[in-house]
């Protein structure tokens, strides 16, 4: 079994969150997601992604009209 990553590269963080690069960088600029630099690359700590998701409000679940 593959271990969970400690950090994501930008494309991987976008894929994990289901968002685009522009929104990811906006969230970083707003301080909602942390970013680090290593060897000229931006990485996103997995803990920051998890904390961001945990802080989001629950989506309302509606009953289908079928």
Protein backbone atom coordinates (compact mmCIF):
# COMPACT_ATOMS: atom_id res chain seq x y z
CA UNK A 1 0.00 0.00 0.00
CA UNK A 2 1.31 3.41 -0.98
CA UNK A 3 1.78 5.82 1.98
CA UNK A 4 -0.13 9.09 2.08
CA UNK A 5 1.98 12.01 0.82
CA UNK A 6 3.39 14.53 3.29
CA UNK A 7 3.03 17.26 0.67
CA UNK A 8 1.59 17.80 -2.79
CA UNK A 9 2.99 19.48 -5.87
CA UNK A 10 0.66 22.16 -7.19
CA UNK A 11 -0.99 19.96 -9.88
CA UNK A 12 -1.49 17.16 -7.35
CA UNK A 13 -2.99 19.51 -4.76
CA UNK A 14 -5.37 20.84 -7.41
CA UNK A 15 -6.40 17.30 -8.32
CA UNK A 16 -6.84 16.30 -4.67
CA UNK A 17 -9.08 19.31 -4.02
CA UNK A 18 -10.84 19.27 -7.38
CA UNK A 19 -9.93 22.90 -8.09
CA UNK A 20 -7.81 24.76 -10.65
CA UNK A 21 -4.42 26.39 -10.27
CA UNK A 22 -5.84 29.91 -10.13
CA UNK A 23 -8.12 29.10 -7.21
CA UNK A 24 -5.33 27.22 -5.42
CA UNK A 25 -2.99 30.20 -5.69
CA UNK A 26 -5.80 32.53 -4.56
CA UNK A 27 -6.35 30.36 -1.46
CA UNK A 28 -2.60 30.46 -0.78
CA UNK A 29 -2.55 34.27 -1.15
CA UNK A 30 -5.53 34.54 1.23
CA UNK A 31 -3.69 32.40 3.78
CA UNK A 32 -6.29 29.63 3.66
CA UNK A 33 -3.80 27.04 2.41
CA UNK A 34 -0.12 26.96 3.30
CA UNK A 35 2.61 26.64 0.71
CA UNK A 36 6.32 25.97 0.98
CA UNK A 37 9.19 26.27 -1.45
CA UNK A 38 11.76 23.56 -1.91
CA UNK A 39 14.35 23.41 -4.67
CA UNK A 40 12.48 26.07 -6.64
CA UNK A 41 9.17 24.22 -6.45
CA UNK A 42 6.00 25.10 -4.60
CA UNK A 43 4.66 22.33 -2.41
CA UNK A 44 1.49 22.21 -0.36
CA UNK A 45 1.66 20.35 2.97
CA UNK A 46 -0.96 17.59 3.11
CA UNK A 47 -1.86 18.74 6.63
CA UNK A 48 -2.79 22.15 5.21
CA UNK A 49 -5.01 20.57 2.55
CA UNK A 50 -6.71 18.41 5.20
CA UNK A 51 -7.20 21.37 7.56
CA UNK A 52 -8.68 23.46 4.75
CA UNK A 53 -11.16 20.71 3.89
CA UNK A 54 -12.08 20.17 7.53
CA UNK A 55 -12.82 23.90 7.94
CA UNK A 56 -15.26 24.01 5.02
CA UNK A 57 -18.97 24.03 5.87
CA UNK A 58 -21.00 20.90 5.18
CA UNK A 59 -22.79 20.95 1.86
CA UNK A 60 -26.56 20.73 2.13
CA UNK A 61 -27.93 17.44 0.87
CA UNK A 62 -31.13 17.77 -1.07
CA UNK A 63 -33.47 15.04 -2.14
CA UNK A 64 -33.60 14.32 -5.86
CA UNK A 65 -36.84 15.19 -7.64
CA UNK A 66 -36.96 11.82 -9.47
